[in-house]
C-alpha atoms as a PDB file:
ATOM      1  CA  MET A   1     203.143  78.773 -64.515  1.00  0.00           C
ATOM      2  CA  LYS A   2     203.920  82.438 -64.189  1.00  0.00           C
ATOM      3  CA  LEU A   3     200.245  83.211 -63.602  1.00  0.00           C
ATOM      4  CA  ARG A   4     200.085  80.534 -60.918  1.00  0.00           C
ATOM      5  CA  ASN A   5     203.134  82.029 -59.180  1.00  0.00           C
ATOM      6  CA  ARG A   6     201.653  85.475 -59.399  1.00  0.00           C
ATOM      7  CA  GLY A   7     198.400  84.215 -57.860  1.00  0.00           C
ATOM      8  CA  ALA A   8     200.274  82.540 -55.005  1.00  0.00           C
ATOM      9  CA  ALA A   9     202.277  85.682 -54.420  1.00  0.00           C
ATOM     10  CA  LEU A  10     199.094  87.744 -54.348  1.00  0.00           C
ATOM     11  CA  ILE A  11     197.452  85.407 -51.841  1.00  0.00           C
ATOM     12  CA  LEU A  12     200.599  85.476 -49.697  1.00  0.00           C
ATOM     13  CA  ALA A  13     200.658  89.252 -49.795  1.00  0.00           C
ATOM     14  CA  MET A  14     197.000  89.364 -48.762  1.00  0.00           C
ATOM     15  CA  LEU A  15     197.686  86.962 -45.894  1.00  0.00           C
ATOM     16  CA  VAL A  16     200.638  89.079 -44.703  1.00  0.00           C
ATOM     17  CA  ALA A  17     198.500  92.217 -44.915  1.00  0.00           C
ATOM     18  CA  ALA A  18     195.712  90.545 -42.949  1.00  0.00           C
ATOM     19  CA  LEU A  19     198.162  89.340 -40.334  1.00  0.00           C
ATOM     20  CA  ALA A  20     199.696  92.802 -40.051  1.00  0.00           C
ATOM     21  CA  ALA A  21     196.245  94.330 -39.638  1.00  0.00           C
ATOM     22  CA  THR A  22     195.380  91.794 -36.931  1.00  0.00           C
ATOM     23  CA  VAL A  23     198.613  92.534 -35.082  1.00  0.00           C
ATOM     24  CA  ALA A  24     197.991  96.267 -35.387  1.00  0.00           C
ATOM     25  CA  VAL A  25     194.463  95.917 -34.004  1.00  0.00           C
ATOM     26  CA  ALA A  26     195.730  93.730 -31.157  1.00  0.00           C
ATOM     27  CA  LEU A  27     198.480  96.219 -30.329  1.00  0.00           C
ATOM     28  CA  ALA A  28     196.031  99.113 -30.430  1.00  0.00           C
ATOM     29  CA  SER A  29     193.633  97.224 -28.174  1.00  0.00           C
ATOM     30  CA  GLU A  30     196.388  96.407 -25.691  1.00  0.00           C
ATOM     31  CA  GLN A  31     197.571  99.994 -25.790  1.00  0.00           C
ATOM     32  CA  GLN A  32     194.060 101.259 -25.064  1.00  0.00           C
ATOM     33  CA  ARG A  33     193.723  98.809 -22.200  1.00  0.00           C
ATOM     34  CA  TRP A  34     197.120  99.884 -20.870  1.00  0.00           C
ATOM     35  CA  PHE A  35     196.094 103.533 -21.058  1.00  0.00           C
ATOM     36  CA  ALA A  36     192.819 102.695 -19.277  1.00  0.00           C
ATOM     37  CA  ASP A  37     194.670 100.773 -16.550  1.00  0.00           C
ATOM     38  CA  VAL A  38     197.099 103.652 -16.077  1.00  0.00           C
ATOM     39  CA  SER A  39     194.228 106.138 -15.963  1.00  0.00           C
ATOM     40  CA  ASN A  40     192.280 104.040 -13.438  1.00  0.00           C
ATOM     41  CA  ARG A  41     195.365 103.572 -11.294  1.00  0.00           C
ATOM     42  CA  ARG A  42     196.096 107.280 -11.461  1.00  0.00           C
ATOM     43  CA  ASP A  43     192.533 108.087 -10.365  1.00  0.00           C
ATOM     44  CA  GLN A  44     192.740 105.527  -7.555  1.00  0.00           C
ATOM     45  CA  VAL A  45     196.007 106.980  -6.261  1.00  0.00           C
ATOM     46  CA  GLN A  46     194.598 110.501  -6.428  1.00  0.00           C
ATOM     47  CA  ALA A  47     191.405 109.441  -4.657  1.00  0.00           C
ATOM     48  CA  GLN A  48     193.427 107.797  -1.879  1.00  0.00           C
ATOM     49  CA  SER A  49     195.642 110.871  -1.573  1.00  0.00           C
ATOM     50  CA  LEU A  50     192.541 113.037  -1.228  1.00  0.00           C
ATOM     51  CA  ALA A  51     191.113 110.767   1.460  1.00  0.00           C
ATOM     52  CA  LEU A  52     194.356 110.927   3.439  1.00  0.00           C
ATOM     53  CA  ALA A  53     194.414 114.699   2.992  1.00  0.00           C
ATOM     54  CA  GLY A  54     190.948 114.718   4.545  1.00  0.00           C
ATOM     55  CA  VAL A  55     192.371 113.129   7.692  1.00  0.00           C
ATOM     56  CA  GLN A  56     194.931 115.936   7.856  1.00  0.00           C
ATOM     57  CA  TRP A  57     192.082 118.418   7.422  1.00  0.00           C
ATOM     58  CA  ALA A  58     190.419 116.894  10.485  1.00  0.00           C
ATOM     59  CA  ARG A  59     193.636 117.161  12.506  1.00  0.00           C
ATOM     60  CA  GLN A  60     193.868 120.864  11.654  1.00  0.00           C
ATOM     61  CA  ILE A  61     190.255 121.540  12.653  1.00  0.00           C
ATOM     62  CA  LEU A  62     190.642 119.727  15.979  1.00  0.00           C
ATOM     63  CA  ASN A  63     193.894 121.511  16.709  1.00  0.00           C
ATOM     64  CA  ASP A  64     192.277 124.891  16.045  1.00  0.00           C
ATOM     65  CA  ASP A  65     189.334 123.938  18.253  1.00  0.00           C
ATOM     66  CA  ALA A  66     191.611 123.017  21.172  1.00  0.00           C
ATOM     67  CA  ARG A  67     193.090 126.491  21.125  1.00  0.00           C
ATOM     68  CA  SER A  68     189.763 128.258  21.382  1.00  0.00           C
ATOM     69  CA  ALA A  69     187.553 126.028  23.552  1.00  0.00           C
ATOM     70  CA  THR A  70     187.623 124.014  26.769  1.00  0.00           C
ATOM     71  CA  LEU A  71     184.381 122.111  26.133  1.00  0.00           C
ATOM     72  CA  ASP A  72     183.455 119.788  23.283  1.00  0.00           C
ATOM     73  CA  TYR A  73     179.837 119.800  22.119  1.00  0.00           C
ATOM     74  CA  LEU A  74     177.817 119.307  18.958  1.00  0.00           C
ATOM     75  CA  GLY A  75     177.523 123.021  18.173  1.00  0.00           C
ATOM     76  CA  GLU A  76     181.228 123.399  17.386  1.00  0.00           C
ATOM     77  CA  PRO A  77     182.638 123.608  13.825  1.00  0.00           C
ATOM     78  CA  TRP A  78     184.325 120.183  14.019  1.00  0.00           C
ATOM     79  CA  ALA A  79     180.940 118.510  14.575  1.00  0.00           C
ATOM     80  CA  TYR A  80     179.473 119.696  11.254  1.00  0.00           C
ATOM     81  CA  PRO A  81     180.093 117.207   8.429  1.00  0.00           C
ATOM     82  CA  LEU A  82     181.782 118.273   5.219  1.00  0.00           C
ATOM     83  CA  PRO A  83     179.085 117.687   2.553  1.00  0.00           C
ATOM     84  CA  PRO A  84     180.021 116.219  -0.840  1.00  0.00           C
ATOM     85  CA  THR A  85     182.222 118.955  -2.277  1.00  0.00           C
ATOM     86  CA  PRO A  86     183.055 118.965  -5.996  1.00  0.00           C
ATOM     87  CA  ILE A  87     186.713 119.130  -6.996  1.00  0.00           C
ATOM     88  CA  ALA A  88     188.449 118.654 -10.342  1.00  0.00           C
ATOM     89  CA  ASN A  89     187.206 115.360 -11.804  1.00  0.00           C
ATOM     90  CA  GLY A  90     185.723 114.235  -8.484  1.00  0.00           C
ATOM     91  CA  ALA A  91     184.422 115.080  -5.026  1.00  0.00           C
ATOM     92  CA  ILE A  92     185.263 114.710  -1.336  1.00  0.00           C
ATOM     93  CA  GLU A  93     183.184 114.483   1.843  1.00  0.00           C
ATOM     94  CA  GLY A  94     183.918 113.699   5.472  1.00  0.00           C
ATOM     95  CA  ARG A  95     182.984 113.989   9.102  1.00  0.00           C
ATOM     96  CA  ILE A  96     184.507 114.070  12.571  1.00  0.00           C
ATOM     97  CA  GLU A  97     182.766 112.247  15.420  1.00  0.00           C
ATOM     98  CA  ASP A  98     183.566 112.407  19.094  1.00  0.00           C
ATOM     99  CA  ALA A  99     184.673 108.887  20.038  1.00  0.00           C
ATOM    100  CA  GLN A 100     183.961 109.804  23.660  1.00  0.00           C
ATOM    101  CA  GLY A 101     180.327 110.310  22.748  1.00  0.00           C
ATOM    102  CA  ARG A 102     180.194 106.491  22.659  1.00  0.00           C
ATOM    103  CA  PHE A 103     180.513 103.848  25.370  1.00  0.00           C
ATOM    104  CA  ASN A 104     184.088 102.657  25.795  1.00  0.00           C
ATOM    105  CA  LEU A 105     184.121  98.845  25.774  1.00  0.00           C
ATOM    106  CA  ASN A 106     187.567  98.770  27.398  1.00  0.00           C
ATOM    107  CA  ASN A 107     186.036 100.210  30.573  1.00  0.00           C
ATOM    108  CA  LEU A 108     184.461  96.786  31.176  1.00  0.00           C
ATOM    109  CA  ALA A 109     187.786  95.555  32.571  1.00  0.00           C
ATOM    110  CA  LEU A 110     187.947  98.267  35.261  1.00  0.00           C
ATOM    111  CA  ASP A 111     187.798  96.800  38.760  1.00  0.00           C
ATOM    112  CA  SER A 112     186.216  99.871  40.333  1.00  0.00           C
ATOM    113  CA  PRO A 113     182.846 101.587  40.850  1.00  0.00           C
ATOM    114  CA  ALA A 114     183.373 103.264  37.481  1.00  0.00           C
ATOM    115  CA  GLY A 115     183.756  99.827  35.877  1.00  0.00           C
ATOM    116  CA  THR A 116     180.567  98.586  37.541  1.00  0.00           C
ATOM    117  CA  SER A 117     178.708 101.691  36.395  1.00  0.00           C
ATOM    118  CA  GLU A 118     179.946 101.214  32.833  1.00  0.00           C
ATOM    119  CA  ARG A 119     178.779  97.621  32.816  1.00  0.00           C
ATOM    120  CA  LEU A 120     175.278  98.699  33.878  1.00  0.00           C
ATOM    121  CA  ARG A 121     175.204 101.347  31.168  1.00  0.00           C
ATOM    122  CA  LEU A 122     176.318  98.905  28.510  1.00  0.00           C
ATOM    123  CA  ALA A 123     173.799  96.315  29.681  1.00  0.00           C
ATOM    124  CA  ASN A 124     171.085  98.948  29.194  1.00  0.00           C
ATOM    125  CA  LEU A 125     172.359  99.737  25.707  1.00  0.00           C
ATOM    126  CA  PHE A 126     172.664  96.087  24.670  1.00  0.00           C
ATOM    127  CA  SER A 127     169.139  95.331  25.866  1.00  0.00           C
ATOM    128  CA  ALA A 128     167.741  98.373  24.058  1.00  0.00           C
ATOM    129  CA  LYS A 129     169.453  97.245  20.843  1.00  0.00           C
ATOM    130  CA  GLY A 130     168.213  93.665  21.138  1.00  0.00           C
ATOM    131  CA  VAL A 131     171.624  92.215  22.008  1.00  0.00           C
ATOM    132  CA  ASP A 132     172.040  89.753  24.891  1.00  0.00           C
ATOM    133  CA  PRO A 133     173.878  91.556  27.750  1.00  0.00           C
ATOM    134  CA  LYS A 134     175.539  88.241  28.676  1.00  0.00           C
ATOM    135  CA  ILE A 135     178.066  89.022  25.932  1.00  0.00           C
ATOM    136  CA  LEU A 136     179.516  91.650  28.289  1.00  0.00           C
ATOM    137  CA  ASP A 137     181.181  88.867  30.306  1.00  0.00           C
ATOM    138  CA  ALA A 138     182.858  87.561  27.161  1.00  0.00           C
ATOM    139  CA  ILE A 139     184.064  91.051  26.190  1.00  0.00           C
ATOM    140  CA  ALA A 140     185.483  91.617  29.674  1.00  0.00           C
ATOM    141  CA  ASP A 141     187.309  88.251  29.561  1.00  0.00           C
ATOM    142  CA  TRP A 142     188.687  89.120  26.127  1.00  0.00           C
ATOM    143  CA  ILE A 143     190.099  92.370  27.537  1.00  0.00           C
ATOM    144  CA  ASP A 144     191.321  91.481  31.034  1.00  0.00           C
ATOM    145  CA  ALA A 145     194.772  90.011  31.647  1.00  0.00           C
ATOM    146  CA  ASP A 146     193.750  86.986  33.733  1.00  0.00           C
ATOM    147  CA  SER A 147     192.650  83.522  32.579  1.00  0.00           C
ATOM    148  CA  ALA A 148     189.616  83.170  34.864  1.00  0.00           C
ATOM    149  CA  ALA A 149     186.405  83.024  32.856  1.00  0.00           C
ATOM    150  CA  ARG A 150     183.363  84.949  34.075  1.00  0.00           C
ATOM    151  CA  ALA A 151     179.938  83.293  34.361  1.00  0.00           C
ATOM    152  CA  ASN A 152     179.035  83.981  30.715  1.00  0.00           C
ATOM    153  CA  GLY A 153     182.545  84.698  29.507  1.00  0.00           C
ATOM    154  CA  ALA A 154     185.302  82.773  27.763  1.00  0.00           C
ATOM    155  CA  GLU A 155     189.056  82.376  27.980  1.00  0.00           C
ATOM    156  CA  ASP A 156     191.654  80.407  26.015  1.00  0.00           C
ATOM    157  CA  GLU A 157     190.020  77.025  26.682  1.00  0.00           C
ATOM    158  CA  PHE A 158     186.866  78.080  24.838  1.00  0.00           C
ATOM    159  CA  TYR A 159     188.604  79.737  21.876  1.00  0.00           C
ATOM    160  CA  ALA A 160     191.013  76.813  21.464  1.00  0.00           C
ATOM    161  CA  GLN A 161     188.034  74.630  20.515  1.00  0.00           C
ATOM    162  CA  ARG A 162     187.040  76.877  17.654  1.00  0.00           C
ATOM    163  CA  ALA A 163     187.982  76.317  14.039  1.00  0.00           C
ATOM    164  CA  PRO A 164     190.377  77.910  13.410  1.00  0.00           C
ATOM    165  CA  THR A 165     191.696  77.790  16.961  1.00  0.00           C
ATOM    166  CA  ALA A 166     192.457  81.030  18.771  1.00  0.00           C
ATOM    167  CA  ILE A 167     193.164  82.465  22.188  1.00  0.00           C
ATOM    168  CA  ALA A 168     191.695  85.377  24.103  1.00  0.00           C
ATOM    169  CA  ALA A 169     193.487  88.659  23.442  1.00  0.00           C
ATOM    170  CA  ASN A 170     193.851  89.451  27.178  1.00  0.00           C
ATOM    171  CA  ALA A 171     194.511  93.038  26.156  1.00  0.00           C
ATOM    172  CA  PRO A 172     192.396  96.137  25.530  1.00  0.00           C
ATOM    173  CA  LEU A 173     190.519  96.352  22.251  1.00  0.00           C
ATOM    174  CA  VAL A 174     192.318  98.423  19.634  1.00  0.00           C
ATOM    175  CA  ARG A 175     189.326  98.651  17.312  1.00  0.00           C
ATOM    176  CA  VAL A 176     185.727  97.833  18.145  1.00  0.00           C
ATOM    177  CA  ALA A 177     185.545  95.445  15.174  1.00  0.00           C
ATOM    178  CA  GLU A 178     187.382  92.949  17.419  1.00  0.00           C
ATOM    179  CA  PHE A 179     184.000  92.571  19.093  1.00  0.00           C
ATOM    180  CA  THR A 180     183.076  90.072  16.380  1.00  0.00           C
ATOM    181  CA  SER A 181     185.760  87.653  17.648  1.00  0.00           C
ATOM    182  CA  VAL A 182     184.194  87.407  21.109  1.00  0.00           C
ATOM    183  CA  ARG A 183     182.068  84.497  22.236  1.00  0.00           C
ATOM    184  CA  GLY A 184     178.384  85.055  21.476  1.00  0.00           C
ATOM    185  CA  ALA A 185     178.953  88.002  19.153  1.00  0.00           C
ATOM    186  CA  SER A 186     177.396  88.087  15.700  1.00  0.00           C
ATOM    187  CA  ALA A 187     177.297  90.309  12.649  1.00  0.00           C
ATOM    188  CA  LYS A 188     173.737  91.294  13.579  1.00  0.00           C
ATOM    189  CA  ALA A 189     174.803  92.333  17.088  1.00  0.00           C
ATOM    190  CA  TRP A 190     177.743  94.266  15.698  1.00  0.00           C
ATOM    191  CA  ALA A 191     175.514  96.131  13.235  1.00  0.00           C
ATOM    192  CA  ALA A 192     173.174  97.111  16.078  1.00  0.00           C
ATOM    193  CA  LEU A 193     175.945  98.423  18.351  1.00  0.00           C
ATOM    194  CA  ALA A 194     178.611  99.797  16.008  1.00  0.00           C
ATOM    195  CA  ALA A 195     177.461 103.430  16.140  1.00  0.00           C
ATOM    196  CA  ASP A 196     177.334 103.571  19.943  1.00  0.00           C
ATOM    197  CA  VAL A 197     180.542 101.891  21.156  1.00  0.00           C
ATOM    198  CA  ALA A 198     184.254 102.668  20.887  1.00  0.00           C
ATOM    199  CA  ALA A 199     187.603 101.159  21.849  1.00  0.00           C
ATOM    200  CA  LEU A 200     189.536 103.737  23.871  1.00  0.00           C
ATOM    201  CA  PRO A 201     191.994 103.565  26.771  1.00  0.00           C
ATOM    202  CA  ALA A 202     190.380 102.222  29.949  1.00  0.00           C
ATOM    203  CA  GLY A 203     189.133 105.009  32.175  1.00  0.00           C
ATOM    204  CA  THR A 204     188.162 107.334  29.319  1.00  0.00           C
ATOM    205  CA  THR A 205     184.906 109.056  30.227  1.00  0.00           C
ATOM    206  CA  LEU A 206     181.703 109.453  28.243  1.00  0.00           C
ATOM    207  CA  ASN A 207     181.152 113.025  27.020  1.00  0.00           C
ATOM    208  CA  ILE A 208     177.565 113.849  27.887  1.00  0.00           C
ATOM    209  CA  ASN A 209     177.682 116.846  25.543  1.00  0.00           C
ATOM    210  CA  THR A 210     178.199 114.714  22.410  1.00  0.00           C
ATOM    211  CA  ALA A 211     176.522 111.388  23.254  1.00  0.00           C
ATOM    212  CA  SER A 212     173.583 110.299  21.105  1.00  0.00           C
ATOM    213  CA  ALA A 213     170.073 110.028  22.525  1.00  0.00           C
ATOM    214  CA  ASP A 214     170.402 106.208  22.645  1.00  0.00           C
ATOM    215  CA  VAL A 215     173.641 106.435  24.617  1.00  0.00           C
ATOM    216  CA  ILE A 216     172.184 109.029  27.014  1.00  0.00           C
ATOM    217  CA  ALA A 217     169.132 106.845  27.631  1.00  0.00           C
ATOM    218  CA  ALA A 218     171.395 103.901  28.516  1.00  0.00           C
ATOM    219  CA  ALA A 219     173.621 106.048  30.742  1.00  0.00           C
ATOM    220  CA  ILE A 220     170.739 107.785  32.564  1.00  0.00           C
ATOM    221  CA  PRO A 221     167.804 105.329  32.461  1.00  0.00           C
ATOM    222  CA  ASP A 222     165.430 107.808  34.130  1.00  0.00           C
ATOM    223  CA  LEU A 223     165.532 109.907  30.966  1.00  0.00           C
ATOM    224  CA  VAL A 224     162.846 108.475  28.688  1.00  0.00           C
ATOM    225  CA  GLY A 225     160.372 109.898  26.215  1.00  0.00           C
ATOM    226  CA  ASP A 226     159.742 113.620  26.613  1.00  0.00           C
ATOM    227  CA  LYS A 227     162.288 113.850  29.432  1.00  0.00           C
ATOM    228  CA  LEU A 228     165.028 112.612  27.115  1.00  0.00           C
ATOM    229  CA  ALA A 229     163.957 114.984  24.340  1.00  0.00           C
ATOM    230  CA  SER A 230     163.914 117.913  26.779  1.00  0.00           C
ATOM    231  CA  PHE A 231     167.346 116.966  28.107  1.00  0.00           C
ATOM    232  CA  VAL A 232     168.834 116.857  24.595  1.00  0.00           C
ATOM    233  CA  ALA A 233     167.228 120.233  23.768  1.00  0.00           C
ATOM    234  CA  GLU A 234     168.548 121.743  26.992  1.00  0.00           C
ATOM    235  CA  ARG A 235     172.030 120.415  26.207  1.00  0.00           C
ATOM    236  CA  ALA A 236     171.891 122.039  22.766  1.00  0.00           C
ATOM    237  CA  ARG A 237     170.898 125.350  24.362  1.00  0.00           C
ATOM    238  CA  LYS A 238     173.769 125.255  26.852  1.00  0.00           C
ATOM    239  CA  PRO A 239     176.368 122.471  27.038  1.00  0.00           C
ATOM    240  CA  PHE A 240     177.168 121.025  30.452  1.00  0.00           C
ATOM    241  CA  THR A 241     180.433 122.011  32.117  1.00  0.00           C
ATOM    242  CA  THR A 242     180.676 120.043  35.404  1.00  0.00           C
ATOM    243  CA  MET A 243     179.130 117.077  37.198  1.00  0.00           C
ATOM    244  CA  ALA A 244     177.554 119.458  39.716  1.00  0.00           C
ATOM    245  CA  GLU A 245     175.877 121.401  36.918  1.00  0.00           C
ATOM    246  CA  LEU A 246     174.716 118.189  35.251  1.00  0.00           C
ATOM    247  CA  ARG A 247     173.046 117.009  38.459  1.00  0.00           C
ATOM    248  CA  GLU A 248     171.450 120.411  38.962  1.00  0.00           C
ATOM    249  CA  ARG A 249     169.997 120.576  35.466  1.00  0.00           C
ATOM    250  CA  LEU A 250     168.666 117.013  35.365  1.00  0.00           C
ATOM    251  CA  PRO A 251     164.879 116.623  35.577  1.00  0.00           C
ATOM    252  CA  ARG A 252     163.738 116.448  39.181  1.00  0.00           C
ATOM    253  CA  ASP A 253     163.032 112.711  39.216  1.00  0.00           C
ATOM    254  CA  ALA A 254     166.113 111.676  37.187  1.00  0.00           C
ATOM    255  CA  LYS A 255     169.133 110.411  39.086  1.00  0.00           C
ATOM    256  CA  LEU A 256     172.648 109.303  38.189  1.00  0.00           C
ATOM    257  CA  SER A 257     173.698 105.795  39.146  1.00  0.00           C
ATOM    258  CA  GLU A 258     176.311 105.358  41.867  1.00  0.00           C
ATOM    259  CA  GLY A 259     179.820 105.703  40.479  1.00  0.00           C
ATOM    260  CA  ALA A 260     178.588 107.292  37.242  1.00  0.00           C
ATOM    261  CA  THR A 261     180.962 109.845  35.795  1.00  0.00           C
ATOM    262  CA  PHE A 262     180.830 111.942  32.656  1.00  0.00           C
ATOM    263  CA  GLY A 263     183.236 114.113  30.727  1.00  0.00           C
ATOM    264  CA  PHE A 264     182.597 117.472  29.119  1.00  0.00           C
ATOM    265  CA  ALA A 265     185.641 117.711  26.864  1.00  0.00           C
ATOM    266  CA  SER A 266     187.155 115.025  24.666  1.00  0.00           C
ATOM    267  CA  SER A 267     190.552 113.787  23.542  1.00  0.00           C
ATOM    268  CA  TYR A 268     189.558 111.050  21.045  1.00  0.00           C
ATOM    269  CA  PHE A 269     187.851 111.588  17.709  1.00  0.00           C
ATOM    270  CA  LEU A 270     186.861 109.330  14.820  1.00  0.00           C
ATOM    271  CA  VAL A 271     187.358 110.649  11.295  1.00  0.00           C
ATOM    272  CA  SER A 272     185.807 109.248   8.123  1.00  0.00           C
ATOM    273  CA  VAL A 273     186.544 110.619   4.647  1.00  0.00           C
ATOM    274  CA  ARG A 274     185.227 109.517   1.247  1.00  0.00           C
ATOM    275  CA  SER A 275     186.745 110.818  -1.976  1.00  0.00           C
ATOM    276  CA  ARG A 276     186.190 110.227  -5.685  1.00  0.00           C
ATOM    277  CA  GLN A 277     188.384 110.807  -8.693  1.00  0.00           C
ATOM    278  CA  GLY A 278     186.814 109.799 -11.980  1.00  0.00           C
ATOM    279  CA  ASP A 279     185.324 106.357 -11.332  1.00  0.00           C
ATOM    280  CA  ALA A 280     187.734 105.576  -8.490  1.00  0.00           C
ATOM    281  CA  VAL A 281     186.505 105.833  -4.889  1.00  0.00           C
ATOM    282  CA  ALA A 282     188.610 105.779  -1.707  1.00  0.00           C
ATOM    283  CA  GLN A 283     187.653 105.797   1.962  1.00  0.00           C
ATOM    284  CA  ALA A 284     189.850 106.657   4.933  1.00  0.00           C
ATOM    285  CA  ARG A 285     189.036 106.171   8.610  1.00  0.00           C
ATOM    286  CA  ALA A 286     191.166 107.170  11.562  1.00  0.00           C
ATOM    287  CA  LEU A 287     191.153 107.540  15.334  1.00  0.00           C
ATOM    288  CA  LEU A 288     192.808 110.758  16.477  1.00  0.00           C
ATOM    289  CA  LYS A 289     194.046 111.650  19.936  1.00  0.00           C
ATOM    290  CA  ARG A 290     194.162 115.320  20.871  1.00  0.00           C
ATOM    291  CA  GLU A 291     196.003 116.308  23.999  1.00  0.00           C
ATOM    292  CA  GLY A 292     196.490 119.871  25.147  1.00  0.00           C
ATOM    293  CA  GLY A 293     197.671 122.172  22.393  1.00  0.00           C
ATOM    294  CA  GLU A 294     199.638 119.438  20.628  1.00  0.00           C
ATOM    295  CA  TRP A 295     198.960 118.420  17.037  1.00  0.00           C
ATOM    296  CA  PRO A 296     196.464 115.496  17.139  1.00  0.00           C
ATOM    297  CA  ILE A 297     198.075 112.043  16.890  1.00  0.00           C
ATOM    298  CA  VAL A 298     196.823 109.328  14.512  1.00  0.00           C
ATOM    299  CA  LEU A 299     196.345 106.223  16.688  1.00  0.00           C
ATOM    300  CA  TRP A 300     195.164 104.060  13.782  1.00  0.00           C
ATOM    301  CA  GLN A 301     194.176 104.636  10.196  1.00  0.00           C
ATOM    302  CA  THR A 302     192.656 102.561   7.402  1.00  0.00           C
ATOM    303  CA  LEU A 303     192.524 103.266   3.681  1.00  0.00           C
ATOM    304  CA  GLU A 304     190.338 101.426   1.213  1.00  0.00           C
END
């Protein structure tokens, strides 16, 4: 009997020991997972902080530039991207782009020669990118304040029939991604146009000194092939300063459309920053407005 009791006690002790070991392993595993979660969260927070710091870096560069220059062109320090730069346990990279080097979609709602000129320019760009220019009517209806639909446009009546139902914004675009909500737009069209369009206050001019070759070709259709390449090379040699100088330095058989205007300095800039801490990656994007010698204002900002 005593032996039987001793055997039972031994088995019970072994079971308790096994249970204790299992609990210890489980606790250790949970602790390791907790430490990993804390570490990942810490890296994510640090990566996001770095990305936001990159936006502040851009504000400083643009503020310094405003104090020393009256023109904005691609040979200035702000226009050179920050390459991937190693930092403790990670890296950071970023770039500043002139938002006024893109076509401003909000100019479509202008009821003026400048608005007509912008529509022609955008029609050229859309056609060159394989996007139906008829979408321009829908964008203009989305932006303007009235409820009268253009020939190829759409107002509340059209959007109310969608699922889910919606209404036209009847207000300027805040971000160009709103383009995808417009009648006739598609992800393919957006991908083709995203690098060449912006959403800025109506009336903001296109900076000829920072526009891409595709944007220049749409704005000045007479510049094609070697003429376009020569124009871009000439711009790099000496940025343009006035409309009179631009007309004078254009190739002999290249003309500006009626009502066409260009800018030579800019107030709006797009900033993109990517940072990494450990395995965590963060991306920040922002639209900055620079006016006079004031510290640039953040008009919108995203953090992912």
